[in-house]
Structures are given as structure tokens and as C-alpha cells.
Amino acid sequence: MAKLQLIISDPRNGSCKKVEVEGAQAQAFVGRKIGEVLNGTVVGASGTRLMIKGGSDKDGTPMRPDAHGGVKTSILLSKGVGLRNKEKGIRMRKLIRGNTVTEDIFQLNLLTIPSE
């Protein structure tokens, strides 16, 4: 059974709130990808839409939008999510998770988008 911690941020007023969901509510996120837009009624925020911006699993491994699938993999990174560059031109092999939400995901970062 999936259990997720949702961090919902609102760029209009700079606020953010944490919501924990389980069961059927959490299953609505499984199989979705980073960048997809959902209806806000899934978490009780009617009148808004939610965009998946990223997340991490129970070990803290970040999701990366350009890595496909939902598995952990080691890829060669030069910048972006999962790597902090200390010097210019450095590339490192890092463990990251793909862009698909699976049951192994612990936290999801969501952005509110006002409905039109």
C-alpha cells in the first residue's frame, strides 16, 4: 500500500504545506511522471491543479526528470538535480531515481496552478 508525503507549494503567496496521503489517494499519484498536471481534488484542494515537480524515495534519492522509468540508476551527471558542483567541468556518477512515481517514492513536491 502506497503512503506519500506531499509538499504542496503555492508560488502566488510563497506558502507551502505538508499533506500525508495513503491508500486510494496515494494510488492516484502512482504511475504519473514529473511535469504532469493533476486535479487538486485528489488531496482536497478543489479549484486548483497540481503539477508534479519532483520527489525522493525513503533513502533520500532524488527523482530526476530526464531519467526515464521509476527505478534507481547511476548516471553520469554534470549539473542539475542530484549533484552539487564544486568546480566547473566536473562530472560524477550519482545514484538517482527516474521520473515516474512508484510505490517506493516517499515524498512528492507539487506546485499549485490556478484553474482557468
C-alpha atoms as a PDB file:
ATOM      1  CA  MET A   1       0.000   0.000   0.000  1.00  0.00           C
ATOM      2  CA  ALA A   2       1.403   3.376  -1.005  1.00  0.00           C
ATOM      3  CA  LYS A   3       1.946   6.145   1.523  1.00  0.00           C
ATOM      4  CA  LEU A   4       3.131   9.565   0.372  1.00  0.00           C
ATOM      5  CA  GLN A   5       4.162  12.834   1.916  1.00  0.00           C
ATOM      6  CA  LEU A   6       3.073  15.675  -0.368  1.00  0.00           C
ATOM      7  CA  ILE A   7       4.786  19.053  -0.179  1.00  0.00           C
ATOM      8  CA  ILE A   8       2.381  21.474  -1.889  1.00  0.00           C
ATOM      9  CA  SER A   9       3.840  24.905  -2.631  1.00  0.00           C
ATOM     10  CA  ASP A  10       1.928  27.964  -3.793  1.00  0.00           C
ATOM     11  CA  PRO A  11       4.097  30.460  -5.722  1.00  0.00           C
ATOM     12  CA  ARG A  12       1.475  33.224  -5.517  1.00  0.00           C
ATOM     13  CA  ASN A  13       1.928  33.786  -1.793  1.00  0.00           C
ATOM     14  CA  GLY A  14       5.129  31.798  -1.140  1.00  0.00           C
ATOM     15  CA  SER A  15       3.497  29.333   1.230  1.00  0.00           C
ATOM     16  CA  CYS A  16       3.837  25.594   1.389  1.00  0.00           C
ATOM     17  CA  LYS A  17       2.090  22.851   3.302  1.00  0.00           C
ATOM     18  CA  LYS A  18       2.701  19.184   4.004  1.00  0.00           C
ATOM     19  CA  VAL A  19      -0.067  16.617   3.473  1.00  0.00           C
ATOM     20  CA  GLU A  20       0.199  12.873   4.091  1.00  0.00           C
ATOM     21  CA  VAL A  21      -1.943  10.564   1.967  1.00  0.00           C
ATOM     22  CA  GLU A  22      -2.461   6.799   1.992  1.00  0.00           C
ATOM     23  CA  GLY A  23      -4.375   4.163   0.112  1.00  0.00           C
ATOM     24  CA  ALA A  24      -6.587   5.273  -2.767  1.00  0.00           C
ATOM     25  CA  GLN A  25      -5.444   8.901  -2.554  1.00  0.00           C
ATOM     26  CA  ALA A  26      -1.797   7.854  -2.863  1.00  0.00           C
ATOM     27  CA  GLN A  27      -2.573   5.423  -5.693  1.00  0.00           C
ATOM     28  CA  ALA A  28      -3.798   8.399  -7.769  1.00  0.00           C
ATOM     29  CA  PHE A  29      -0.156   9.542  -7.999  1.00  0.00           C
ATOM     30  CA  VAL A  30       1.423   6.151  -8.796  1.00  0.00           C
ATOM     31  CA  GLY A  31       2.352   5.877 -12.473  1.00  0.00           C
ATOM     32  CA  ARG A  32       2.438   9.654 -13.023  1.00  0.00           C
ATOM     33  CA  LYS A  33       5.551  11.441 -14.271  1.00  0.00           C
ATOM     34  CA  ILE A  34       7.311  14.651 -13.354  1.00  0.00           C
ATOM     35  CA  GLY A  35       5.610  17.546 -15.157  1.00  0.00           C
ATOM     36  CA  GLU A  36       2.131  16.004 -15.241  1.00  0.00           C
ATOM     37  CA  VAL A  37      -0.785  18.099 -14.017  1.00  0.00           C
ATOM     38  CA  LEU A  38      -3.451  16.608 -11.728  1.00  0.00           C
ATOM     39  CA  ASN A  39      -6.744  17.861 -10.402  1.00  0.00           C
ATOM     40  CA  GLY A  40      -6.445  19.249  -6.854  1.00  0.00           C
ATOM     41  CA  THR A  41      -9.492  17.371  -5.587  1.00  0.00           C
ATOM     42  CA  VAL A  42      -7.245  14.316  -5.114  1.00  0.00           C
ATOM     43  CA  VAL A  43      -5.861  15.934  -1.938  1.00  0.00           C
ATOM     44  CA  GLY A  44      -8.857  18.115  -1.063  1.00  0.00           C
ATOM     45  CA  ALA A  45      -7.685  21.317  -2.767  1.00  0.00           C
ATOM     46  CA  SER A  46     -10.643  21.897  -5.077  1.00  0.00           C
ATOM     47  CA  GLY A  47     -10.376  24.675  -7.625  1.00  0.00           C
ATOM     48  CA  THR A  48      -6.654  24.174  -8.215  1.00  0.00           C
ATOM     49  CA  ARG A  49      -4.458  21.973 -10.299  1.00  0.00           C
ATOM     50  CA  LEU A  50      -1.235  20.362  -9.061  1.00  0.00           C
ATOM     51  CA  MET A  51       1.923  19.860 -11.108  1.00  0.00           C
ATOM     52  CA  ILE A  52       4.447  17.209 -10.039  1.00  0.00           C
ATOM     53  CA  LYS A  53       7.848  18.914  -9.781  1.00  0.00           C
ATOM     54  CA  GLY A  54       9.965  16.151  -8.190  1.00  0.00           C
ATOM     55  CA  GLY A  55      10.379  13.974  -5.153  1.00  0.00           C
ATOM     56  CA  SER A  56      12.538  11.444  -3.366  1.00  0.00           C
ATOM     57  CA  ASP A  57      12.368   7.911  -2.006  1.00  0.00           C
ATOM     58  CA  LYS A  58      12.791   6.664   1.569  1.00  0.00           C
ATOM     59  CA  ASP A  59      16.591   6.756   1.242  1.00  0.00           C
ATOM     60  CA  GLY A  60      16.608  10.374   0.041  1.00  0.00           C
ATOM     61  CA  THR A  61      17.482   9.527  -3.561  1.00  0.00           C
ATOM     62  CA  PRO A  62      16.062  12.364  -5.707  1.00  0.00           C
ATOM     63  CA  MET A  63      13.837  11.941  -8.748  1.00  0.00           C
ATOM     64  CA  ARG A  64      15.250  13.396 -11.940  1.00  0.00           C
ATOM     65  CA  PRO A  65      13.035  14.498 -14.863  1.00  0.00           C
ATOM     66  CA  ASP A  66      15.405  13.351 -17.626  1.00  0.00           C
ATOM     67  CA  ALA A  67      15.853   9.788 -16.269  1.00  0.00           C
ATOM     68  CA  HIS A  68      13.103   7.521 -17.588  1.00  0.00           C
ATOM     69  CA  GLY A  69      11.212   4.924 -15.567  1.00  0.00           C
ATOM     70  CA  GLY A  70      10.805   4.519 -11.847  1.00  0.00           C
ATOM     71  CA  VAL A  71      13.949   2.619 -10.881  1.00  0.00           C
ATOM     72  CA  LYS A  72      17.167   3.673  -9.213  1.00  0.00           C
ATOM     73  CA  THR A  73      20.090   4.022 -11.577  1.00  0.00           C
ATOM     74  CA  SER A  74      23.560   5.515 -11.607  1.00  0.00           C
ATOM     75  CA  ILE A  75      24.137   8.067 -14.325  1.00  0.00           C
ATOM     76  CA  LEU A  76      26.935  10.454 -15.191  1.00  0.00           C
ATOM     77  CA  LEU A  77      25.905  13.969 -14.147  1.00  0.00           C
ATOM     78  CA  SER A  78      27.474  17.334 -14.873  1.00  0.00           C
ATOM     79  CA  LYS A  79      24.778  19.556 -13.320  1.00  0.00           C
ATOM     80  CA  GLY A  80      21.197  19.575 -12.110  1.00  0.00           C
ATOM     81  CA  VAL A  81      19.183  17.582  -9.610  1.00  0.00           C
ATOM     82  CA  GLY A  82      21.270  15.160  -7.565  1.00  0.00           C
ATOM     83  CA  LEU A  83      24.660  16.875  -7.976  1.00  0.00           C
ATOM     84  CA  ARG A  84      26.261  19.882  -6.352  1.00  0.00           C
ATOM     85  CA  ASN A  85      29.148  21.106  -8.467  1.00  0.00           C
ATOM     86  CA  LYS A  86      32.101  22.484  -6.568  1.00  0.00           C
ATOM     87  CA  GLU A  87      34.217  23.140  -9.651  1.00  0.00           C
ATOM     88  CA  LYS A  88      33.425  23.835 -13.278  1.00  0.00           C
ATOM     89  CA  GLY A  89      33.731  20.890 -15.649  1.00  0.00           C
ATOM     90  CA  ILE A  90      33.383  18.132 -13.045  1.00  0.00           C
ATOM     91  CA  ARG A  91      31.253  15.111 -13.933  1.00  0.00           C
ATOM     92  CA  MET A  92      30.289  12.459 -11.398  1.00  0.00           C
ATOM     93  CA  ARG A  93      28.374   9.196 -11.444  1.00  0.00           C
ATOM     94  CA  LYS A  94      25.485   9.544  -8.989  1.00  0.00           C
ATOM     95  CA  LEU A  95      22.559   7.386  -7.891  1.00  0.00           C
ATOM     96  CA  ILE A  96      19.203   8.914  -8.857  1.00  0.00           C
ATOM     97  CA  ARG A  97      15.631   7.736  -9.370  1.00  0.00           C
ATOM     98  CA  GLY A  98      13.655   8.013 -12.612  1.00  0.00           C
ATOM     99  CA  ASN A  99      10.830  10.420 -13.388  1.00  0.00           C
ATOM    100  CA  THR A 100       7.923   8.033 -12.752  1.00  0.00           C
ATOM    101  CA  VAL A 101       6.182   7.886  -9.363  1.00  0.00           C
ATOM    102  CA  THR A 102       6.240   4.353  -7.921  1.00  0.00           C
ATOM    103  CA  GLU A 103       5.275   2.879  -4.561  1.00  0.00           C
ATOM    104  CA  ASP A 104       8.891   3.368  -3.403  1.00  0.00           C
ATOM    105  CA  ILE A 105       8.547   7.154  -3.520  1.00  0.00           C
ATOM    106  CA  PHE A 106       8.265   8.708  -0.052  1.00  0.00           C
ATOM    107  CA  GLN A 107       7.915  12.435  -0.806  1.00  0.00           C
ATOM    108  CA  LEU A 108       6.434  14.315  -3.768  1.00  0.00           C
ATOM    109  CA  ASN A 109       6.900  18.018  -4.455  1.00  0.00           C
ATOM    110  CA  LEU A 110       3.834  19.620  -6.028  1.00  0.00           C
ATOM    111  CA  LEU A 111       3.192  23.115  -7.377  1.00  0.00           C
ATOM    112  CA  THR A 112      -0.284  24.680  -7.350  1.00  0.00           C
ATOM    113  CA  ILE A 113      -1.574  26.098 -10.612  1.00  0.00           C
ATOM    114  CA  PRO A 114      -4.809  28.108 -10.530  1.00  0.00           C
ATOM    115  CA  SER A 115      -7.651  26.602 -12.589  1.00  0.00           C
ATOM    116  CA  GLU A 116      -8.822  28.547 -15.573  1.00  0.00           C
END
